[in-house]
PDB file of all heavy atoms in Angstrom:
ATOM      1  N   GLU A   1      -5.415   9.233  -7.025  1.00  0.00           N
ATOM      2  CA  GLU A   1      -5.593  10.139  -8.160  1.00  0.00           C
ATOM      3  C   GLU A   1      -6.556  11.287  -7.852  1.00  0.00           C
ATOM      4  O   GLU A   1      -6.397  12.404  -8.358  1.00  0.00           O
ATOM      5  CB  GLU A   1      -6.051   9.382  -9.412  1.00  0.00           C
ATOM      6  CG  GLU A   1      -7.474   8.803  -9.363  1.00  0.00           C
ATOM      7  CD  GLU A   1      -7.513   7.396  -8.798  1.00  0.00           C
ATOM      8  OE1 GLU A   1      -6.637   7.042  -7.992  1.00  0.00           O
ATOM      9  OE2 GLU A   1      -8.443   6.653  -9.150  1.00  0.00           O
ATOM     10  N   GLN A   2      -7.557  11.044  -6.985  1.00  0.00           N
ATOM     11  CA  GLN A   2      -8.532  12.093  -6.691  1.00  0.00           C
ATOM     12  C   GLN A   2      -7.958  13.205  -5.822  1.00  0.00           C
ATOM     13  O   GLN A   2      -8.573  14.264  -5.651  1.00  0.00           O
ATOM     14  CB  GLN A   2      -9.792  11.508  -6.041  1.00  0.00           C
ATOM     15  CG  GLN A   2      -9.602  10.985  -4.618  1.00  0.00           C
ATOM     16  CD  GLN A   2      -9.229   9.520  -4.581  1.00  0.00           C
ATOM     17  OE1 GLN A   2      -8.472   9.027  -5.419  1.00  0.00           O
ATOM     18  NE2 GLN A   2      -9.770   8.800  -3.596  1.00  0.00           N
ATOM     19  N   PHE A   3      -6.754  12.960  -5.262  1.00  0.00           N
ATOM     20  CA  PHE A   3      -6.124  13.965  -4.397  1.00  0.00           C
ATOM     21  C   PHE A   3      -4.958  14.690  -5.084  1.00  0.00           C
ATOM     22  O   PHE A   3      -4.241  15.435  -4.432  1.00  0.00           O
ATOM     23  CB  PHE A   3      -5.593  13.297  -3.125  1.00  0.00           C
ATOM     24  CG  PHE A   3      -6.645  12.612  -2.307  1.00  0.00           C
ATOM     25  CD1 PHE A   3      -6.779  11.228  -2.327  1.00  0.00           C
ATOM     26  CD2 PHE A   3      -7.510  13.350  -1.510  1.00  0.00           C
ATOM     27  CE1 PHE A   3      -7.745  10.592  -1.569  1.00  0.00           C
ATOM     28  CE2 PHE A   3      -8.485  12.722  -0.746  1.00  0.00           C
ATOM     29  CZ  PHE A   3      -8.608  11.344  -0.778  1.00  0.00           C
ATOM     30  N   CYS A   4      -4.786  14.491  -6.390  1.00  0.00           N
ATOM     31  CA  CYS A   4      -3.556  14.958  -7.034  1.00  0.00           C
ATOM     32  C   CYS A   4      -3.373  16.470  -6.942  1.00  0.00           C
ATOM     33  O   CYS A   4      -2.235  16.960  -6.930  1.00  0.00           O
ATOM     34  CB  CYS A   4      -3.479  14.479  -8.480  1.00  0.00           C
ATOM     35  SG  CYS A   4      -4.778  15.084  -9.562  1.00  0.00           S
ATOM     36  N   TYR A   5      -4.457  17.243  -6.863  1.00  0.00           N
ATOM     37  CA  TYR A   5      -4.317  18.703  -6.785  1.00  0.00           C
ATOM     38  C   TYR A   5      -4.548  19.244  -5.370  1.00  0.00           C
ATOM     39  O   TYR A   5      -4.558  20.451  -5.162  1.00  0.00           O
ATOM     40  CB  TYR A   5      -5.265  19.375  -7.792  1.00  0.00           C
ATOM     41  CG  TYR A   5      -4.929  18.977  -9.221  1.00  0.00           C
ATOM     42  CD1 TYR A   5      -5.828  18.234  -9.986  1.00  0.00           C
ATOM     43  CD2 TYR A   5      -3.697  19.315  -9.789  1.00  0.00           C
ATOM     44  CE1 TYR A   5      -5.514  17.845 -11.284  1.00  0.00           C
ATOM     45  CE2 TYR A   5      -3.377  18.929 -11.086  1.00  0.00           C
ATOM     46  CZ  TYR A   5      -4.288  18.199 -11.820  1.00  0.00           C
ATOM     47  OH  TYR A   5      -3.971  17.816 -13.105  1.00  0.00           O
ATOM     48  N   ASN A   6      -4.742  18.344  -4.410  1.00  0.00           N
ATOM     49  CA  ASN A   6      -4.829  18.764  -3.005  1.00  0.00           C
ATOM     50  C   ASN A   6      -3.450  19.132  -2.480  1.00  0.00           C
ATOM     51  O   ASN A   6      -2.439  18.585  -2.917  1.00  0.00           O
ATOM     52  CB  ASN A   6      -5.393  17.636  -2.131  1.00  0.00           C
ATOM     53  CG  ASN A   6      -6.865  17.392  -2.362  1.00  0.00           C
ATOM     54  OD1 ASN A   6      -7.308  17.259  -3.489  1.00  0.00           O
ATOM     55  ND2 ASN A   6      -7.619  17.298  -1.283  1.00  0.00           N
ATOM     56  N   ARG A   7      -3.409  20.038  -1.512  1.00  0.00           N
ATOM     57  CA  ARG A   7      -2.147  20.314  -0.839  1.00  0.00           C
ATOM     58  C   ARG A   7      -1.756  19.110   0.009  1.00  0.00           C
ATOM     59  O   ARG A   7      -2.611  18.464   0.623  1.00  0.00           O
ATOM     60  CB  ARG A   7      -2.294  21.550   0.053  1.00  0.00           C
ATOM     61  CG  ARG A   7      -2.250  22.870  -0.713  1.00  0.00           C
ATOM     62  CD  ARG A   7      -2.803  24.004   0.124  1.00  0.00           C
ATOM     63  NE  ARG A   7      -2.072  24.178   1.380  1.00  0.00           N
ATOM     64  CZ  ARG A   7      -1.281  25.229   1.642  1.00  0.00           C
ATOM     65  NH1 ARG A   7      -1.106  26.168   0.735  1.00  0.00           N
ATOM     66  NH2 ARG A   7      -0.693  25.335   2.813  1.00  0.00           N
ATOM     67  N   ALA A   8      -0.478  18.820   0.045  1.00  0.00           N
ATOM     68  CA  ALA A   8       0.001  17.671   0.814  1.00  0.00           C
ATOM     69  C   ALA A   8      -0.346  17.795   2.294  1.00  0.00           C
ATOM     70  O   ALA A   8      -0.545  16.795   2.981  1.00  0.00           O
ATOM     71  CB  ALA A   8       1.506  17.521   0.632  1.00  0.00           C
ATOM     72  N   SER A   9      -0.463  19.027   2.780  1.00  0.00           N
ATOM     73  CA  SER A   9      -0.775  19.254   4.195  1.00  0.00           C
ATOM     74  C   SER A   9      -2.170  18.788   4.564  1.00  0.00           C
ATOM     75  O   SER A   9      -2.463  18.570   5.751  1.00  0.00           O
ATOM     76  CB  SER A   9      -0.630  20.739   4.536  1.00  0.00           C
ATOM     77  OG  SER A   9      -1.482  21.522   3.723  1.00  0.00           O
ATOM     78  N   ASP A  10      -3.051  18.604   3.581  1.00  0.00           N
ATOM     79  CA  ASP A  10      -4.437  18.227   3.845  1.00  0.00           C
ATOM     80  C   ASP A  10      -4.641  16.709   3.974  1.00  0.00           C
ATOM     81  O   ASP A  10      -5.753  16.264   4.238  1.00  0.00           O
ATOM     82  CB  ASP A  10      -5.356  18.748   2.727  1.00  0.00           C
ATOM     83  CG  ASP A  10      -5.372  20.267   2.654  1.00  0.00           C
ATOM     84  OD1 ASP A  10      -5.091  20.903   3.690  1.00  0.00           O
ATOM     85  OD2 ASP A  10      -5.649  20.802   1.569  1.00  0.00           O
ATOM     86  N   LEU A  11      -3.596  15.941   3.787  1.00  0.00           N
ATOM     87  CA  LEU A  11      -3.723  14.486   3.746  1.00  0.00           C
ATOM     88  C   LEU A  11      -3.574  13.851   5.125  1.00  0.00           C
ATOM     89  O   LEU A  11      -2.952  14.415   6.022  1.00  0.00           O
ATOM     90  CB  LEU A  11      -2.659  13.900   2.815  1.00  0.00           C
ATOM     91  CG  LEU A  11      -2.627  14.389   1.375  1.00  0.00           C
ATOM     92  CD1 LEU A  11      -1.469  13.739   0.632  1.00  0.00           C
ATOM     93  CD2 LEU A  11      -3.945  14.119   0.667  1.00  0.00           C
ATOM     94  N   SER A  12      -4.099  12.635   5.247  1.00  0.00           N
ATOM     95  CA  SER A  12      -3.869  11.842   6.451  1.00  0.00           C
ATOM     96  C   SER A  12      -2.460  11.253   6.401  1.00  0.00           C
ATOM     97  O   SER A  12      -1.779  11.307   5.366  1.00  0.00           O
ATOM     98  CB  SER A  12      -4.887  10.705   6.542  1.00  0.00           C
ATOM     99  OG  SER A  12      -4.640   9.748   5.513  1.00  0.00           O
ATOM    100  N   GLY A  13      -2.028  10.641   7.506  1.00  0.00           N
ATOM    101  CA  GLY A  13      -0.700  10.047   7.551  1.00  0.00           C
ATOM    102  C   GLY A  13      -0.503   8.967   6.503  1.00  0.00           C
ATOM    103  O   GLY A  13       0.517   8.929   5.805  1.00  0.00           O
ATOM    104  N   GLY A  14      -1.483   8.075   6.380  1.00  0.00           N
ATOM    105  CA  GLY A  14      -1.381   7.011   5.394  1.00  0.00           C
ATOM    106  C   GLY A  14      -1.341   7.544   3.969  1.00  0.00           C
ATOM    107  O   GLY A  14      -0.612   7.024   3.113  1.00  0.00           O
ATOM    108  N   GLN A  15      -2.133   8.590   3.705  1.00  0.00           N
ATOM    109  CA  GLN A  15      -2.125   9.206   2.375  1.00  0.00           C
ATOM    110  C   GLN A  15      -0.791   9.883   2.086  1.00  0.00           C
ATOM    111  O   GLN A  15      -0.261   9.797   0.969  1.00  0.00           O
ATOM    112  CB  GLN A  15      -3.273  10.215   2.269  1.00  0.00           C
ATOM    113  CG  GLN A  15      -4.647   9.579   2.239  1.00  0.00           C
ATOM    114  CD  GLN A  15      -5.767  10.595   2.420  1.00  0.00           C
ATOM    115  OE1 GLN A  15      -5.581  11.671   2.970  1.00  0.00           O
ATOM    116  NE2 GLN A  15      -6.952  10.232   1.953  1.00  0.00           N
ATOM    117  N   LYS A  16      -0.233  10.543   3.089  1.00  0.00           N
ATOM    118  CA  LYS A  16       1.081  11.180   2.906  1.00  0.00           C
ATOM    119  C   LYS A  16       2.138  10.142   2.560  1.00  0.00           C
ATOM    120  O   LYS A  16       2.999  10.374   1.707  1.00  0.00           O
ATOM    121  CB  LYS A  16       1.478  11.931   4.181  1.00  0.00           C
ATOM    122  CG  LYS A  16       0.686  13.205   4.416  1.00  0.00           C
ATOM    123  CD  LYS A  16       1.002  13.807   5.792  1.00  0.00           C
ATOM    124  CE  LYS A  16       0.152  15.053   6.044  1.00  0.00           C
ATOM    125  NZ  LYS A  16       0.302  15.552   7.426  1.00  0.00           N
ATOM    126  N   GLN A  17       2.070   8.969   3.205  1.00  0.00           N
ATOM    127  CA  GLN A  17       3.078   7.951   2.921  1.00  0.00           C
ATOM    128  C   GLN A  17       2.889   7.373   1.530  1.00  0.00           C
ATOM    129  O   GLN A  17       3.871   6.989   0.879  1.00  0.00           O
ATOM    130  CB  GLN A  17       3.045   6.849   3.989  1.00  0.00           C
ATOM    131  CG  GLN A  17       4.304   5.996   4.028  1.00  0.00           C
ATOM    132  CD  GLN A  17       5.567   6.798   4.256  1.00  0.00           C
ATOM    133  OE1 GLN A  17       6.014   7.563   3.389  1.00  0.00           O
ATOM    134  NE2 GLN A  17       6.142   6.646   5.432  1.00  0.00           N
ATOM    135  N   ARG A  18       1.654   7.310   1.037  1.00  0.00           N
ATOM    136  CA  ARG A  18       1.437   6.873  -0.346  1.00  0.00           C
ATOM    137  C   ARG A  18       2.097   7.839  -1.320  1.00  0.00           C
ATOM    138  O   ARG A  18       2.679   7.417  -2.323  1.00  0.00           O
ATOM    139  CB  ARG A  18      -0.061   6.787  -0.655  1.00  0.00           C
ATOM    140  CG  ARG A  18      -0.795   5.700   0.089  1.00  0.00           C
ATOM    141  CD  ARG A  18      -2.182   5.503  -0.476  1.00  0.00           C
ATOM    142  NE  ARG A  18      -3.075   4.867   0.481  1.00  0.00           N
ATOM    143  CZ  ARG A  18      -4.249   4.350   0.176  1.00  0.00           C
ATOM    144  NH1 ARG A  18      -4.680   4.407  -1.069  1.00  0.00           N
ATOM    145  NH2 ARG A  18      -5.003   3.794   1.104  1.00  0.00           N
ATOM    146  N   VAL A  19       2.007   9.126  -1.017  1.00  0.00           N
ATOM    147  CA  VAL A  19       2.669  10.140  -1.858  1.00  0.00           C
ATOM    148  C   VAL A  19       4.184   9.955  -1.793  1.00  0.00           C
ATOM    149  O   VAL A  19       4.881  10.064  -2.805  1.00  0.00           O
ATOM    150  CB  VAL A  19       2.281  11.567  -1.418  1.00  0.00           C
ATOM    151  CG1 VAL A  19       3.030  12.620  -2.249  1.00  0.00           C
ATOM    152  CG2 VAL A  19       0.778  11.770  -1.560  1.00  0.00           C
ATOM    153  N   GLY A  20       4.686   9.636  -0.597  1.00  0.00           N
ATOM    154  CA  GLY A  20       6.113   9.379  -0.449  1.00  0.00           C
ATOM    155  C   GLY A  20       6.567   8.189  -1.286  1.00  0.00           C
ATOM    156  O   GLY A  20       7.640   8.217  -1.902  1.00  0.00           O
ATOM    157  N   ILE A  21       5.744   7.142  -1.329  1.00  0.00           N
ATOM    158  CA  ILE A  21       6.063   5.965  -2.152  1.00  0.00           C
ATOM    159  C   ILE A  21       6.058   6.350  -3.630  1.00  0.00           C
ATOM    160  O   ILE A  21       6.973   5.982  -4.385  1.00  0.00           O
ATOM    161  CB  ILE A  21       5.067   4.829  -1.886  1.00  0.00           C
ATOM    162  CG1 ILE A  21       5.220   4.294  -0.460  1.00  0.00           C
ATOM    163  CG2 ILE A  21       5.249   3.691  -2.898  1.00  0.00           C
ATOM    164  CD1 ILE A  21       4.142   3.304  -0.051  1.00  0.00           C
ATOM    165  N   ALA A  22       5.028   7.094  -4.045  1.00  0.00           N
ATOM    166  CA  ALA A  22       4.938   7.503  -5.452  1.00  0.00           C
ATOM    167  C   ALA A  22       6.144   8.343  -5.856  1.00  0.00           C
ATOM    168  O   ALA A  22       6.706   8.171  -6.943  1.00  0.00           O
ATOM    169  CB  ALA A  22       3.646   8.289  -5.681  1.00  0.00           C
ATOM    170  N   ARG A  23       6.555   9.263  -5.001  1.00  0.00           N
ATOM    171  CA  ARG A  23       7.718  10.118  -5.299  1.00  0.00           C
ATOM    172  C   ARG A  23       8.980   9.270  -5.459  1.00  0.00           C
ATOM    173  O   ARG A  23       9.778   9.482  -6.381  1.00  0.00           O
ATOM    174  CB  ARG A  23       7.917  11.140  -4.184  1.00  0.00           C
ATOM    175  CG  ARG A  23       9.142  12.045  -4.361  1.00  0.00           C
ATOM    176  CD  ARG A  23       9.330  12.935  -3.152  1.00  0.00           C
ATOM    177  NE  ARG A  23       9.473  12.149  -1.927  1.00  0.00           N
ATOM    178  CZ  ARG A  23       9.380  12.655  -0.700  1.00  0.00           C
ATOM    179  NH1 ARG A  23       9.141  13.945  -0.544  1.00  0.00           N
ATOM    180  NH2 ARG A  23       9.524  11.885   0.370  1.00  0.00           N
ATOM    181  N   ALA A  24       9.163   8.290  -4.567  1.00  0.00           N
ATOM    182  CA  ALA A  24      10.350   7.440  -4.638  1.00  0.00           C
ATOM    183  C   ALA A  24      10.351   6.573  -5.893  1.00  0.00           C
ATOM    184  O   ALA A  24      11.379   6.431  -6.563  1.00  0.00           O
ATOM    185  CB  ALA A  24      10.427   6.562  -3.388  1.00  0.00           C
ATOM    186  N   VAL A  25       9.198   6.005  -6.244  1.00  0.00           N
ATOM    187  CA  VAL A  25       9.099   5.158  -7.440  1.00  0.00           C
ATOM    188  C   VAL A  25       9.224   6.007  -8.704  1.00  0.00           C
ATOM    189  O   VAL A  25       9.758   5.547  -9.721  1.00  0.00           O
ATOM    190  CB  VAL A  25       7.786   4.356  -7.425  1.00  0.00           C
ATOM    191  CG1 VAL A  25       7.596   3.580  -8.723  1.00  0.00           C
ATOM    192  CG2 VAL A  25       7.766   3.395  -6.241  1.00  0.00           C
ATOM    193  N   MET A  26       8.762   7.258  -8.641  1.00  0.00           N
ATOM    194  CA  MET A  26       8.885   8.185  -9.774  1.00  0.00           C
ATOM    195  C   MET A  26      10.346   8.358 -10.178  1.00  0.00           C
ATOM    196  O   MET A  26      10.660   8.611 -11.344  1.00  0.00           O
ATOM    197  CB  MET A  26       8.291   9.548  -9.367  1.00  0.00           C
ATOM    198  CG  MET A  26       8.209  10.566 -10.483  1.00  0.00           C
ATOM    199  SD  MET A  26       6.871  10.171 -11.638  1.00  0.00           S
ATOM    200  CE  MET A  26       7.179  11.396 -12.916  1.00  0.00           C
ATOM    201  N   GLN A  27      11.223   8.198  -9.252  1.00  0.00           N
ATOM    202  CA  GLN A  27      12.659   8.346  -9.477  1.00  0.00           C
ATOM    203  C   GLN A  27      13.236   7.211 -10.318  1.00  0.00           C
ATOM    204  O   GLN A  27      14.384   7.275 -10.749  1.00  0.00           O
ATOM    205  CB  GLN A  27      13.350   8.382  -8.109  1.00  0.00           C
ATOM    206  CG  GLN A  27      14.760   8.897  -8.086  1.00  0.00           C
ATOM    207  CD  GLN A  27      15.265   9.016  -6.650  1.00  0.00           C
ATOM    208  OE1 GLN A  27      14.552   9.462  -5.762  1.00  0.00           O
ATOM    209  NE2 GLN A  27      16.502   8.605  -6.440  1.00  0.00           N
ATOM    210  N   GLN A  28      12.439   6.145 -10.529  1.00  0.00           N
ATOM    211  CA  GLN A  28      12.857   4.954 -11.270  1.00  0.00           C
ATOM    212  C   GLN A  28      14.132   4.352 -10.662  1.00  0.00           C
ATOM    213  O   GLN A  28      15.126   4.115 -11.353  1.00  0.00           O
ATOM    214  CB  GLN A  28      13.055   5.285 -12.757  1.00  0.00           C
ATOM    215  CG  GLN A  28      11.770   5.730 -13.440  1.00  0.00           C
ATOM    216  CD  GLN A  28      11.958   6.048 -14.907  1.00  0.00           C
ATOM    217  OE1 GLN A  28      12.748   6.905 -15.279  1.00  0.00           O
ATOM    218  NE2 GLN A  28      11.229   5.340 -15.750  1.00  0.00           N
ATOM    219  N   PRO A  29      14.092   4.079  -9.356  1.00  0.00           N
ATOM    220  CA  PRO A  29      15.291   3.583  -8.673  1.00  0.00           C
ATOM    221  C   PRO A  29      15.508   2.085  -8.895  1.00  0.00           C
ATOM    222  O   PRO A  29      14.590   1.358  -9.286  1.00  0.00           O
ATOM    223  CB  PRO A  29      14.974   3.858  -7.207  1.00  0.00           C
ATOM    224  CG  PRO A  29      13.485   3.660  -7.127  1.00  0.00           C
ATOM    225  CD  PRO A  29      12.937   4.168  -8.449  1.00  0.00           C
ATOM    226  N   LYS A  30      16.714   1.649  -8.614  1.00  0.00           N
ATOM    227  CA  LYS A  30      17.010   0.220  -8.569  1.00  0.00           C
ATOM    228  C   LYS A  30      16.907  -0.316  -7.148  1.00  0.00           C
ATOM    229  O   LYS A  30      16.835  -1.522  -6.932  1.00  0.00           O
ATOM    230  CB  LYS A  30      18.412  -0.040  -9.129  1.00  0.00           C
ATOM    231  CG  LYS A  30      18.534   0.219 -10.625  1.00  0.00           C
ATOM    232  CD  LYS A  30      19.844  -0.315 -11.164  1.00  0.00           C
ATOM    233  CE  LYS A  30      19.879  -0.222 -12.673  1.00  0.00           C
ATOM    234  NZ  LYS A  30      21.106  -0.847 -13.245  1.00  0.00           N
ATOM    235  N   LEU A  31      16.911   0.624  -6.185  1.00  0.00           N
ATOM    236  CA  LEU A  31      16.877   0.252  -4.771  1.00  0.00           C
ATOM    237  C   LEU A  31      16.000   1.241  -4.013  1.00  0.00           C
ATOM    238  O   LEU A  31      16.122   2.455  -4.198  1.00  0.00           O
ATOM    239  CB  LEU A  31      18.296   0.272  -4.200  1.00  0.00           C
ATOM    240  CG  LEU A  31      18.474  -0.006  -2.702  1.00  0.00           C
ATOM    241  CD1 LEU A  31      18.065  -1.431  -2.362  1.00  0.00           C
ATOM    242  CD2 LEU A  31      19.925   0.248  -2.291  1.00  0.00           C
ATOM    243  N   LEU A  32      15.107   0.717  -3.177  1.00  0.00           N
ATOM    244  CA  LEU A  32      14.284   1.548  -2.299  1.00  0.00           C
ATOM    245  C   LEU A  32      14.761   1.384  -0.863  1.00  0.00           C
ATOM    246  O   LEU A  32      14.922   0.260  -0.384  1.00  0.00           O
ATOM    247  CB  LEU A  32      12.809   1.143  -2.382  1.00  0.00           C
ATOM    248  CG  LEU A  32      11.954   1.715  -3.498  1.00  0.00           C
ATOM    249  CD1 LEU A  32      10.550   1.100  -3.439  1.00  0.00           C
ATOM    250  CD2 LEU A  32      11.858   3.229  -3.422  1.00  0.00           C
ATOM    251  N   LEU A  33      14.976   2.518  -0.184  1.00  0.00           N
ATOM    252  CA  LEU A  33      15.336   2.506   1.228  1.00  0.00           C
ATOM    253  C   LEU A  33      14.187   3.104   2.018  1.00  0.00           C
ATOM    254  O   LEU A  33      13.774   4.238   1.753  1.00  0.00           O
ATOM    255  CB  LEU A  33      16.615   3.328   1.463  1.00  0.00           C
ATOM    256  CG  LEU A  33      17.847   2.943   0.645  1.00  0.00           C
ATOM    257  CD1 LEU A  33      19.009   3.867   0.996  1.00  0.00           C
ATOM    258  CD2 LEU A  33      18.223   1.488   0.868  1.00  0.00           C
ATOM    259  N   CYS A  34      13.681   2.359   2.978  1.00  0.00           N
ATOM    260  CA  CYS A  34      12.509   2.797   3.737  1.00  0.00           C
ATOM    261  C   CYS A  34      12.869   2.829   5.224  1.00  0.00           C
ATOM    262  O   CYS A  34      13.101   1.776   5.828  1.00  0.00           O
ATOM    263  CB  CYS A  34      11.338   1.851   3.506  1.00  0.00           C
ATOM    264  SG  CYS A  34      11.027   1.486   1.764  1.00  0.00           S
ATOM    265  N   ASP A  35      12.904   4.027   5.792  1.00  0.00           N
ATOM    266  CA  ASP A  35      13.326   4.182   7.181  1.00  0.00           C
ATOM    267  C   ASP A  35      12.105   4.296   8.083  1.00  0.00           C
ATOM    268  O   ASP A  35      11.480   5.347   8.159  1.00  0.00           O
ATOM    269  CB  ASP A  35      14.216   5.421   7.318  1.00  0.00           C
ATOM    270  CG  ASP A  35      14.992   5.429   8.620  1.00  0.00           C
ATOM    271  OD1 ASP A  35      14.975   4.408   9.332  1.00  0.00           O
ATOM    272  OD2 ASP A  35      15.613   6.461   8.936  1.00  0.00           O
ATOM    273  N   GLU A  36      11.731   3.192   8.728  1.00  0.00           N
ATOM    274  CA  GLU A  36      10.558   3.129   9.609  1.00  0.00           C
ATOM    275  C   GLU A  36       9.310   3.700   8.919  1.00  0.00           C
ATOM    276  O   GLU A  36       8.667   4.623   9.427  1.00  0.00           O
ATOM    277  CB  GLU A  36      10.831   3.899  10.913  1.00  0.00           C
ATOM    278  CG  GLU A  36      12.073   3.464  11.660  1.00  0.00           C
ATOM    279  CD  GLU A  36      11.900   2.167  12.429  1.00  0.00           C
ATOM    280  OE1 GLU A  36      10.874   1.510  12.259  1.00  0.00           O
ATOM    281  OE2 GLU A  36      12.822   1.827  13.193  1.00  0.00           O
ATOM    282  N   PRO A  37       8.922   3.191   7.747  1.00  0.00           N
ATOM    283  CA  PRO A  37       7.857   3.809   6.947  1.00  0.00           C
ATOM    284  C   PRO A  37       6.467   3.750   7.558  1.00  0.00           C
ATOM    285  O   PRO A  37       5.572   4.479   7.124  1.00  0.00           O
ATOM    286  CB  PRO A  37       7.906   3.023   5.637  1.00  0.00           C
ATOM    287  CG  PRO A  37       8.440   1.684   6.031  1.00  0.00           C
ATOM    288  CD  PRO A  37       9.441   1.966   7.112  1.00  0.00           C
ATOM    289  N   ILE A  38       6.252   2.869   8.575  1.00  0.00           N
ATOM    290  CA  ILE A  38       4.912   2.746   9.163  1.00  0.00           C
ATOM    291  C   ILE A  38       4.895   3.100  10.642  1.00  0.00           C
ATOM    292  O   ILE A  38       3.884   2.904  11.314  1.00  0.00           O
ATOM    293  CB  ILE A  38       4.337   1.334   8.942  1.00  0.00           C
ATOM    294  CG1 ILE A  38       5.235   0.262   9.572  1.00  0.00           C
ATOM    295  CG2 ILE A  38       4.133   1.065   7.459  1.00  0.00           C
ATOM    296  CD1 ILE A  38       4.638  -1.133   9.546  1.00  0.00           C
ATOM    297  N   ALA A  39       5.987   3.640  11.151  1.00  0.00           N
ATOM    298  CA  ALA A  39       6.091   3.908  12.595  1.00  0.00           C
ATOM    299  C   ALA A  39       5.077   4.939  13.072  1.00  0.00           C
ATOM    300  O   ALA A  39       4.655   4.910  14.227  1.00  0.00           O
ATOM    301  CB  ALA A  39       7.505   4.369  12.937  1.00  0.00           C
ATOM    302  N   SER A  40       4.659   5.853  12.192  1.00  0.00           N
ATOM    303  CA  SER A  40       3.736   6.919  12.585  1.00  0.00           C
ATOM    304  C   SER A  40       2.283   6.606  12.247  1.00  0.00           C
ATOM    305  O   SER A  40       1.418   7.471  12.386  1.00  0.00           O
ATOM    306  CB  SER A  40       4.149   8.233  11.899  1.00  0.00           C
ATOM    307  OG  SER A  40       5.470   8.586  12.222  1.00  0.00           O
ATOM    308  N   LEU A  41       2.012   5.366  11.796  1.00  0.00           N
ATOM    309  CA  LEU A  41       0.681   5.031  11.293  1.00  0.00           C
ATOM    310  C   LEU A  41      -0.058   4.061  12.213  1.00  0.00           C
ATOM    311  O   LEU A  41       0.555   3.286  12.948  1.00  0.00           O
ATOM    312  CB  LEU A  41       0.797   4.396   9.900  1.00  0.00           C
ATOM    313  CG  LEU A  41       1.535   5.210   8.838  1.00  0.00           C
ATOM    314  CD1 LEU A  41       1.612   4.420   7.535  1.00  0.00           C
ATOM    315  CD2 LEU A  41       0.856   6.555   8.607  1.00  0.00           C
ATOM    316  N   ASP A  42      -1.402   4.109  12.157  1.00  0.00           N
ATOM    317  CA  ASP A  42      -2.215   3.142  12.879  1.00  0.00           C
ATOM    318  C   ASP A  42      -2.111   1.786  12.179  1.00  0.00           C
ATOM    319  O   ASP A  42      -1.679   1.712  11.020  1.00  0.00           O
ATOM    320  CB  ASP A  42      -3.674   3.611  12.930  1.00  0.00           C
ATOM    321  CG  ASP A  42      -4.293   3.707  11.544  1.00  0.00           C
ATOM    322  OD1 ASP A  42      -4.748   2.676  11.010  1.00  0.00           O
ATOM    323  OD2 ASP A  42      -4.301   4.826  10.970  1.00  0.00           O
TER     324      ASP A  42
END
């Protein structure tokens, strides 16, 4: 929540993926597809 007005470019990899999760869940889906979601993370 403290990053909501930050530019996405300013985030770390893990933070960017959290935004990706939020965007996908915002869609109110019945199915989530995750293509190598942690491959770029420590």
